PDB file of N, CA and C in Angstrom:
ATOM      1  N   UNK A   1     -32.810  21.294  23.738  1.00  0.00           N
ATOM      2  CA  UNK A   1     -32.212  20.838  22.794  1.00  0.00           C
ATOM      3  C   UNK A   1     -30.335  20.632  22.615  1.00  0.00           C
ATOM      4  N   UNK A   2     -29.873  19.624  22.478  1.00  0.00           N
ATOM      5  CA  UNK A   2     -28.202  20.294  22.705  1.00  0.00           C
ATOM      6  C   UNK A   2     -27.711  20.088  21.320  1.00  0.00           C
ATOM      7  N   UNK A   3     -27.108  21.199  21.184  1.00  0.00           N
ATOM      8  CA  UNK A   3     -26.077  21.129  19.629  1.00  0.00           C
ATOM      9  C   UNK A   3     -24.586  20.450  20.169  1.00  0.00           C
ATOM     10  N   UNK A   4     -24.400  19.677  18.927  1.00  0.00           N
ATOM     11  CA  UNK A   4     -23.526  18.574  18.316  1.00  0.00           C
ATOM     12  C   UNK A   4     -22.470  19.603  18.212  1.00  0.00           C
ATOM     13  N   UNK A   5     -20.761  19.590  18.396  1.00  0.00           N
ATOM     14  CA  UNK A   5     -20.187  20.128  17.176  1.00  0.00           C
ATOM     15  C   UNK A   5     -20.076  19.457  16.098  1.00  0.00           C
ATOM     16  N   UNK A   6     -19.418  19.797  14.861  1.00  0.00           N
ATOM     17  CA  UNK A   6     -19.350  19.654  13.694  1.00  0.00           C
ATOM     18  C   UNK A   6     -18.426  18.664  13.436  1.00  0.00           C
ATOM     19  N   UNK A   7     -18.615  17.572  12.896  1.00  0.00           N
ATOM     20  CA  UNK A   7     -17.206  16.391  13.298  1.00  0.00           C
ATOM     21  C   UNK A   7     -16.680  16.324  11.641  1.00  0.00           C
ATOM     22  N   UNK A   8     -15.658  16.680  11.749  1.00  0.00           N
ATOM     23  CA  UNK A   8     -15.011  16.671  10.288  1.00  0.00           C
ATOM     24  C   UNK A   8     -14.506  15.211   9.677  1.00  0.00           C
ATOM     25  N   UNK A   9     -14.961  15.159   8.158  1.00  0.00           N
ATOM     26  CA  UNK A   9     -14.894  14.251   8.051  1.00  0.00           C
ATOM     27  C   UNK A   9     -13.722  13.329   7.837  1.00  0.00           C
ATOM     28  N   UNK A  10     -13.473  12.320   7.643  1.00  0.00           N
ATOM     29  CA  UNK A  10     -12.252  11.181   8.017  1.00  0.00           C
ATOM     30  C   UNK A  10     -11.358  11.564   6.787  1.00  0.00           C
ATOM     31  N   UNK A  11     -10.078  11.685   6.930  1.00  0.00           N
ATOM     32  CA  UNK A  11      -9.018  11.843   6.097  1.00  0.00           C
ATOM     33  C   UNK A  11      -9.179  10.795   5.032  1.00  0.00           C
ATOM     34  N   UNK A  12      -8.799  11.039   3.681  1.00  0.00           N
ATOM     35  CA  UNK A  12      -8.854   9.905   2.582  1.00  0.00           C
ATOM     36  C   UNK A  12      -7.454   9.184   3.049  1.00  0.00           C
ATOM     37  N   UNK A  13      -7.319   7.699   3.132  1.00  0.00           N
ATOM     38  CA  UNK A  13      -6.053   7.002   3.278  1.00  0.00           C
ATOM     39  C   UNK A  13      -5.444   7.284   2.573  1.00  0.00           C
ATOM     40  N   UNK A  14      -4.306   7.069   2.721  1.00  0.00           N
ATOM     41  CA  UNK A  14      -2.633   7.392   1.656  1.00  0.00           C
ATOM     42  C   UNK A  14      -2.681   5.866   1.700  1.00  0.00           C
ATOM     43  N   UNK A  15      -2.482   5.850   0.292  1.00  0.00           N
ATOM     44  CA  UNK A  15      -2.215   4.427  -0.190  1.00  0.00           C
ATOM     45  C   UNK A  15      -0.506   4.105  -0.978  1.00  0.00           C
ATOM     46  N   UNK A  16      -0.174   3.272  -0.255  1.00  0.00           N
ATOM     47  CA  UNK A  16       1.164   2.925  -0.440  1.00  0.00           C
ATOM     48  C   UNK A  16       1.396   1.762  -1.763  1.00  0.00           C
ATOM     49  N   UNK A  17       1.562   2.125  -2.993  1.00  0.00           N
ATOM     50  CA  UNK A  17       1.409   1.141  -4.034  1.00  0.00           C
ATOM     51  C   UNK A  17       3.272   0.341  -3.901  1.00  0.00           C
ATOM     52  N   UNK A  18       2.982  -1.119  -4.562  1.00  0.00           N
ATOM     53  CA  UNK A  18       4.004  -1.829  -5.002  1.00  0.00           C
ATOM     54  C   UNK A  18       3.795  -2.393  -6.304  1.00  0.00           C
ATOM     55  N   UNK A  19       4.526  -2.324  -7.193  1.00  0.00           N
ATOM     56  CA  UNK A  19       4.524  -2.905  -8.472  1.00  0.00           C
ATOM     57  C   UNK A  19       5.578  -3.001  -9.021  1.00  0.00           C
ATOM     58  N   UNK A  20       5.388  -4.451 -10.105  1.00  0.00           N
ATOM     59  CA  UNK A  20       7.024  -4.327 -10.962  1.00  0.00           C
ATOM     60  C   UNK A  20       7.530  -3.186 -11.534  1.00  0.00           C
ATOM     61  N   UNK A  21       9.033  -3.097 -11.526  1.00  0.00           N
ATOM     62  CA  UNK A  21       9.369  -1.859 -12.312  1.00  0.00           C
ATOM     63  C   UNK A  21      10.674  -2.463 -12.694  1.00  0.00           C
ATOM     64  N   UNK A  22      10.519  -2.817 -13.887  1.00  0.00           N
ATOM     65  CA  UNK A  22      11.759  -3.991 -14.668  1.00  0.00           C
ATOM     66  C   UNK A  22      12.279  -4.745 -13.974  1.00  0.00           C
ATOM     67  N   UNK A  23      13.265  -5.116 -13.537  1.00  0.00           N
ATOM     68  CA  UNK A  23      13.652  -6.038 -13.112  1.00  0.00           C
ATOM     69  C   UNK A  23      13.377  -6.175 -11.166  1.00  0.00           C
ATOM     70  N   UNK A  24      12.613  -5.296 -10.889  1.00  0.00           N
ATOM     71  CA  UNK A  24      12.617  -4.912  -9.245  1.00  0.00           C
ATOM     72  C   UNK A  24      11.471  -4.459  -9.230  1.00  0.00           C
ATOM     73  N   UNK A  25      11.240  -4.151  -8.132  1.00  0.00           N
ATOM     74  CA  UNK A  25       9.713  -3.913  -7.592  1.00  0.00           C
ATOM     75  C   UNK A  25       9.927  -1.858  -6.821  1.00  0.00           C
ATOM     76  N   UNK A  26       9.094  -1.352  -7.688  1.00  0.00           N
ATOM     77  CA  UNK A  26       9.093  -0.101  -7.175  1.00  0.00           C
ATOM     78  C   UNK A  26       7.828   0.276  -5.711  1.00  0.00           C
ATOM     79  N   UNK A  27       8.254   1.319  -5.209  1.00  0.00           N
ATOM     80  CA  UNK A  27       7.296   1.227  -3.970  1.00  0.00           C
ATOM     81  C   UNK A  27       6.861   3.020  -4.056  1.00  0.00           C
ATOM     82  N   UNK A  28       5.477   3.332  -4.057  1.00  0.00           N
ATOM     83  CA  UNK A  28       5.239   4.614  -4.200  1.00  0.00           C
ATOM     84  C   UNK A  28       4.038   4.756  -3.127  1.00  0.00           C
ATOM     85  N   UNK A  29       4.217   6.112  -2.882  1.00  0.00           N
ATOM     86  CA  UNK A  29       3.039   6.657  -1.384  1.00  0.00           C
ATOM     87  C   UNK A  29       2.124   7.545  -2.498  1.00  0.00           C
ATOM     88  N   UNK A  30       0.560   7.948  -2.229  1.00  0.00           N
ATOM     89  CA  UNK A  30      -0.106   8.377  -2.985  1.00  0.00           C
ATOM     90  C   UNK A  30       0.408   9.999  -2.340  1.00  0.00           C
ATOM     91  N   UNK A  31       0.260  10.370  -0.949  1.00  0.00           N
ATOM     92  CA  UNK A  31       0.907  11.379  -0.449  1.00  0.00           C
ATOM     93  C   UNK A  31       2.348  11.911  -0.069  1.00  0.00           C
ATOM     94  N   UNK A  32       3.258  10.964  -1.298  1.00  0.00           N
ATOM     95  CA  UNK A  32       4.374  11.384  -1.738  1.00  0.00           C
ATOM     96  C   UNK A  32       5.605  10.970  -0.443  1.00  0.00           C
ATOM     97  N   UNK A  33       5.060  10.655   0.572  1.00  0.00           N
ATOM     98  CA  UNK A  33       6.353  10.809   1.653  1.00  0.00           C
ATOM     99  C   UNK A  33       7.177   9.364   1.817  1.00  0.00           C
ATOM    100  N   UNK A  34       6.843   8.235   0.802  1.00  0.00           N
ATOM    101  CA  UNK A  34       7.574   6.877   0.299  1.00  0.00           C
ATOM    102  C   UNK A  34       7.714   6.422  -0.712  1.00  0.00           C
ATOM    103  N   UNK A  35       8.922   6.368  -1.163  1.00  0.00           N
ATOM    104  CA  UNK A  35       9.189   6.027  -2.596  1.00  0.00           C
ATOM    105  C   UNK A  35      10.680   4.891  -2.533  1.00  0.00           C
ATOM    106  N   UNK A  36      11.028   3.954  -3.200  1.00  0.00           N
ATOM    107  CA  UNK A  36      12.041   3.108  -3.650  1.00  0.00           C
ATOM    108  C   UNK A  36      11.694   2.021  -4.096  1.00  0.00           C
ATOM    109  N   UNK A  37      12.605   1.599  -4.802  1.00  0.00           N
ATOM    110  CA  UNK A  37      13.059   0.596  -5.247  1.00  0.00           C
ATOM    111  C   UNK A  37      13.790  -0.770  -4.752  1.00  0.00           C
ATOM    112  N   UNK A  38      12.776  -1.895  -5.030  1.00  0.00           N
ATOM    113  CA  UNK A  38      13.616  -2.910  -4.082  1.00  0.00           C
ATOM    114  C   UNK A  38      14.229  -3.847  -5.139  1.00  0.00           C
ATOM    115  N   UNK A  39      14.934  -4.714  -4.888  1.00  0.00           N
ATOM    116  CA  UNK A  39      15.368  -6.279  -5.609  1.00  0.00           C
ATOM    117  C   UNK A  39      14.243  -7.055  -5.942  1.00  0.00           C
ATOM    118  N   UNK A  40      13.651  -7.519  -5.006  1.00  0.00           N
ATOM    119  CA  UNK A  40      12.061  -8.158  -4.597  1.00  0.00           C
ATOM    120  C   UNK A  40      11.231  -8.309  -4.374  1.00  0.00           C
ATOM    121  N   UNK A  41       9.585  -8.607  -4.409  1.00  0.00           N
ATOM    122  CA  UNK A  41       8.759  -8.342  -4.238  1.00  0.00           C
ATOM    123  C   UNK A  41       8.610  -8.720  -2.667  1.00  0.00           C
ATOM    124  N   UNK A  42       9.223  -9.526  -1.988  1.00  0.00           N
ATOM    125  CA  UNK A  42       9.238  -9.352  -0.590  1.00  0.00           C
ATOM    126  C   UNK A  42       9.667  -8.518   0.417  1.00  0.00           C
ATOM    127  N   UNK A  43      10.933  -8.010  -0.460  1.00  0.00           N
ATOM    128  CA  UNK A  43      11.245  -6.648   0.581  1.00  0.00           C
ATOM    129  C   UNK A  43      10.160  -5.828   0.489  1.00  0.00           C
ATOM    130  N   UNK A  44      10.096  -4.886  -0.393  1.00  0.00           N
ATOM    131  CA  UNK A  44       9.083  -4.278  -0.852  1.00  0.00           C
ATOM    132  C   UNK A  44       7.870  -4.297   0.152  1.00  0.00           C
ATOM    133  N   UNK A  45       7.190  -5.253  -0.392  1.00  0.00           N
ATOM    134  CA  UNK A  45       5.935  -5.513   0.621  1.00  0.00           C
ATOM    135  C   UNK A  45       6.453  -5.434   2.249  1.00  0.00           C
ATOM    136  N   UNK A  46       7.622  -6.063   2.594  1.00  0.00           N
ATOM    137  CA  UNK A  46       8.076  -5.779   4.125  1.00  0.00           C
ATOM    138  C   UNK A  46       8.155  -4.304   4.487  1.00  0.00           C
ATOM    139  N   UNK A  47       8.742  -3.783   3.549  1.00  0.00           N
ATOM    140  CA  UNK A  47       9.100  -2.354   4.046  1.00  0.00           C
ATOM    141  C   UNK A  47       7.955  -1.445   3.798  1.00  0.00           C
ATOM    142  N   UNK A  48       6.960  -1.788   2.714  1.00  0.00           N
ATOM    143  CA  UNK A  48       5.483  -0.972   2.761  1.00  0.00           C
ATOM    144  C   UNK A  48       4.474  -1.320   3.897  1.00  0.00           C
ATOM    145  N   UNK A  49       4.805  -2.556   4.252  1.00  0.00           N
ATOM    146  CA  UNK A  49       3.642  -2.616   5.448  1.00  0.00           C
ATOM    147  C   UNK A  49       4.047  -2.498   6.811  1.00  0.00           C
ATOM    148  N   UNK A  50       5.811  -2.315   7.209  1.00  0.00           N
ATOM    149  CA  UNK A  50       6.190  -1.691   8.210  1.00  0.00           C
ATOM    150  C   UNK A  50       5.745   0.081   8.483  1.00  0.00           C
ATOM    151  N   UNK A  51       5.813   0.723   7.074  1.00  0.00           N
ATOM    152  CA  UNK A  51       5.321   2.262   7.200  1.00  0.00           C
ATOM    153  C   UNK A  51       3.998   2.219   7.243  1.00  0.00           C
ATOM    154  N   UNK A  52       3.168   1.258   6.742  1.00  0.00           N
ATOM    155  CA  UNK A  52       1.806   1.469   7.446  1.00  0.00           C
ATOM    156  C   UNK A  52       1.547   1.367   8.712  1.00  0.00           C
ATOM    157  N   UNK A  53       2.181   0.583   9.486  1.00  0.00           N
ATOM    158  CA  UNK A  53       2.031   0.150  10.560  1.00  0.00           C
ATOM    159  C   UNK A  53       2.198   1.429  11.393  1.00  0.00           C
ATOM    160  N   UNK A  54       3.421   2.298  11.149  1.00  0.00           N
ATOM    161  CA  UNK A  54       3.744   3.073  11.970  1.00  0.00           C
ATOM    162  C   UNK A  54       3.015   4.720  11.372  1.00  0.00           C
ATOM    163  N   UNK A  55       2.279   4.783  10.215  1.00  0.00           N
ATOM    164  CA  UNK A  55       1.819   5.892   9.891  1.00  0.00           C
ATOM    165  C   UNK A  55       0.303   5.194   9.747  1.00  0.00           C
ATOM    166  N   UNK A  56      -0.465   5.781  10.908  1.00  0.00           N
ATOM    167  CA  UNK A  56      -1.863   5.273  10.755  1.00  0.00           C
ATOM    168  C   UNK A  56      -2.458   5.875   9.434  1.00  0.00           C
ATOM    169  N   UNK A  57      -3.437   5.361   8.788  1.00  0.00           N
ATOM    170  CA  UNK A  57      -4.372   5.498   7.816  1.00  0.00           C
ATOM    171  C   UNK A  57      -3.747   5.673   6.481  1.00  0.00           C
ATOM    172  N   UNK A  58      -2.113   4.922   6.219  1.00  0.00           N
ATOM    173  CA  UNK A  58      -1.620   3.885   5.069  1.00  0.00           C
ATOM    174  C   UNK A  58      -2.394   2.755   5.021  1.00  0.00           C
ATOM    175  N   UNK A  59      -2.619   3.065   3.827  1.00  0.00           N
ATOM    176  CA  UNK A  59      -3.123   1.251   3.518  1.00  0.00           C
ATOM    177  C   UNK A  59      -2.080   0.817   2.169  1.00  0.00           C
ATOM    178  N   UNK A  60      -1.521  -0.678   1.823  1.00  0.00           N
ATOM    179  CA  UNK A  60      -1.089  -0.901   1.061  1.00  0.00           C
ATOM    180  C   UNK A  60      -1.344  -1.411   0.036  1.00  0.00           C
ATOM    181  N   UNK A  61      -1.361  -1.495  -1.262  1.00  0.00           N
ATOM    182  CA  UNK A  61      -1.698  -2.399  -2.560  1.00  0.00           C
ATOM    183  C   UNK A  61      -0.622  -2.501  -3.068  1.00  0.00           C
ATOM    184  N   UNK A  62      -0.857  -4.037  -3.615  1.00  0.00           N
ATOM    185  CA  UNK A  62       0.349  -4.668  -4.401  1.00  0.00           C
ATOM    186  C   UNK A  62      -0.333  -4.715  -5.603  1.00  0.00           C
ATOM    187  N   UNK A  63       0.278  -4.120  -7.182  1.00  0.00           N
ATOM    188  CA  UNK A  63      -0.207  -4.195  -8.164  1.00  0.00           C
ATOM    189  C   UNK A  63       0.705  -5.260  -8.882  1.00  0.00           C
ATOM    190  N   UNK A  64       0.327  -6.263  -9.341  1.00  0.00           N
ATOM    191  CA  UNK A  64       1.086  -7.280 -10.489  1.00  0.00           C
ATOM    192  C   UNK A  64       0.773  -7.378 -11.779  1.00  0.00           C
ATOM    193  N   UNK A  65       1.472  -8.116 -12.495  1.00  0.00           N
ATOM    194  CA  UNK A  65       1.003  -8.231 -13.674  1.00  0.00           C
ATOM    195  C   UNK A  65       0.974  -9.899 -13.896  1.00  0.00           C
ATOM    196  N   UNK A  66       0.387 -10.364 -14.241  1.00  0.00           N
ATOM    197  CA  UNK A  66       0.314 -11.907 -14.712  1.00  0.00           C
ATOM    198  C   UNK A  66       1.178 -12.868 -14.688  1.00  0.00           C
ATOM    199  N   UNK A  67       2.538 -11.978 -15.255  1.00  0.00           N
ATOM    200  CA  UNK A  67       3.488 -12.738 -15.434  1.00  0.00           C
ATOM    201  C   UNK A  67       4.315 -12.824 -14.269  1.00  0.00           C
ATOM    202  N   UNK A  68       4.267 -11.703 -13.420  1.00  0.00           N
ATOM    203  CA  UNK A  68       5.345 -11.367 -12.504  1.00  0.00           C
ATOM    204  C   UNK A  68       5.158 -12.396 -11.171  1.00  0.00           C
ATOM    205  N   UNK A  69       3.939 -13.156 -10.813  1.00  0.00           N
ATOM    206  CA  UNK A  69       3.809 -14.165 -10.134  1.00  0.00           C
ATOM    207  C   UNK A  69       3.166 -15.230 -10.637  1.00  0.00           C
ATOM    208  N   UNK A  70       3.067 -16.882 -10.328  1.00  0.00           N
ATOM    209  CA  UNK A  70       2.069 -17.289 -10.541  1.00  0.00           C
ATOM    210  C   UNK A  70       1.154 -17.713  -9.643  1.00  0.00           C
ATOM    211  N   UNK A  71       0.036 -18.183 -10.952  1.00  0.00           N
ATOM    212  CA  UNK A  71      -1.408 -18.118 -10.303  1.00  0.00           C
ATOM    213  C   UNK A  71      -2.081 -16.795 -10.216  1.00  0.00           C
ATOM    214  N   UNK A  72      -3.308 -16.818  -9.918  1.00  0.00           N
ATOM    215  CA  UNK A  72      -4.533 -15.713 -10.316  1.00  0.00           C
ATOM    216  C   UNK A  72      -4.198 -14.690  -8.963  1.00  0.00           C
ATOM    217  N   UNK A  73      -4.496 -13.186  -9.327  1.00  0.00           N
ATOM    218  CA  UNK A  73      -4.010 -12.339  -7.919  1.00  0.00           C
ATOM    219  C   UNK A  73      -5.390 -13.115  -6.812  1.00  0.00           C
ATOM    220  N   UNK A  74      -4.780 -12.695  -5.686  1.00  0.00           N
ATOM    221  CA  UNK A  74      -5.522 -13.133  -4.845  1.00  0.00           C
ATOM    222  C   UNK A  74      -5.672 -11.963  -3.263  1.00  0.00           C
ATOM    223  N   UNK A  75      -5.873 -12.410  -2.256  1.00  0.00           N
ATOM    224  CA  UNK A  75      -6.556 -11.350  -1.450  1.00  0.00           C
ATOM    225  C   UNK A  75      -5.272 -12.192  -0.443  1.00  0.00           C
ATOM    226  N   UNK A  76      -4.465 -10.828   0.176  1.00  0.00           N
ATOM    227  CA  UNK A  76      -3.362 -11.254   1.089  1.00  0.00           C
ATOM    228  C   UNK A  76      -3.626 -11.177   2.752  1.00  0.00           C
ATOM    229  N   UNK A  77      -3.157 -11.769   3.458  1.00  0.00           N
ATOM    230  CA  UNK A  77      -3.435 -11.395   5.095  1.00  0.00           C
ATOM    231  C   UNK A  77      -2.826 -10.059   5.646  1.00  0.00           C
ATOM    232  N   UNK A  78      -3.121  -9.446   6.266  1.00  0.00           N
ATOM    233  CA  UNK A  78      -2.153  -8.394   6.688  1.00  0.00           C
ATOM    234  C   UNK A  78      -3.139  -7.150   6.059  1.00  0.00           C
ATOM    235  N   UNK A  79      -4.369  -7.504   5.287  1.00  0.00           N
ATOM    236  CA  UNK A  79      -4.772  -5.891   5.066  1.00  0.00           C
ATOM    237  C   UNK A  79      -4.289  -5.590   3.613  1.00  0.00           C
ATOM    238  N   UNK A  80      -3.863  -6.177   3.329  1.00  0.00           N
ATOM    239  CA  UNK A  80      -3.051  -5.946   2.005  1.00  0.00           C
ATOM    240  C   UNK A  80      -3.574  -6.388   0.685  1.00  0.00           C
ATOM    241  N   UNK A  81      -4.135  -5.546  -0.306  1.00  0.00           N
ATOM    242  CA  UNK A  81      -4.528  -6.129  -1.323  1.00  0.00           C
ATOM    243  C   UNK A  81      -3.852  -6.383  -2.622  1.00  0.00           C
ATOM    244  N   UNK A  82      -3.979  -7.501  -3.202  1.00  0.00           N
ATOM    245  CA  UNK A  82      -3.485  -7.734  -4.692  1.00  0.00           C
ATOM    246  C   UNK A  82      -4.495  -7.288  -5.849  1.00  0.00           C
ATOM    247  N   UNK A  83      -4.186  -6.632  -6.604  1.00  0.00           N
ATOM    248  CA  UNK A  83      -4.799  -6.250  -7.703  1.00  0.00           C
ATOM    249  C   UNK A  83      -4.244  -6.450  -9.147  1.00  0.00           C
TER     250      UNK A  83
END
């Protein structure tokens, strides 16, 4: 009989969330490592994606209100979800 070592559970991914904040877009992370306020959605998304790429285990979520973007919410390329 071979005994295998205990395998620790996988860590919970940290979430980098982008959401409208007044006239700009706010970026926050669930682990408290990242935060910021950006003038436009594209800048916030670009920064969040670059942070997620260099920090394994981070995922990006974009929260939008219906008035912040034309059209219904959809799934974006690059593993970024829109809620």
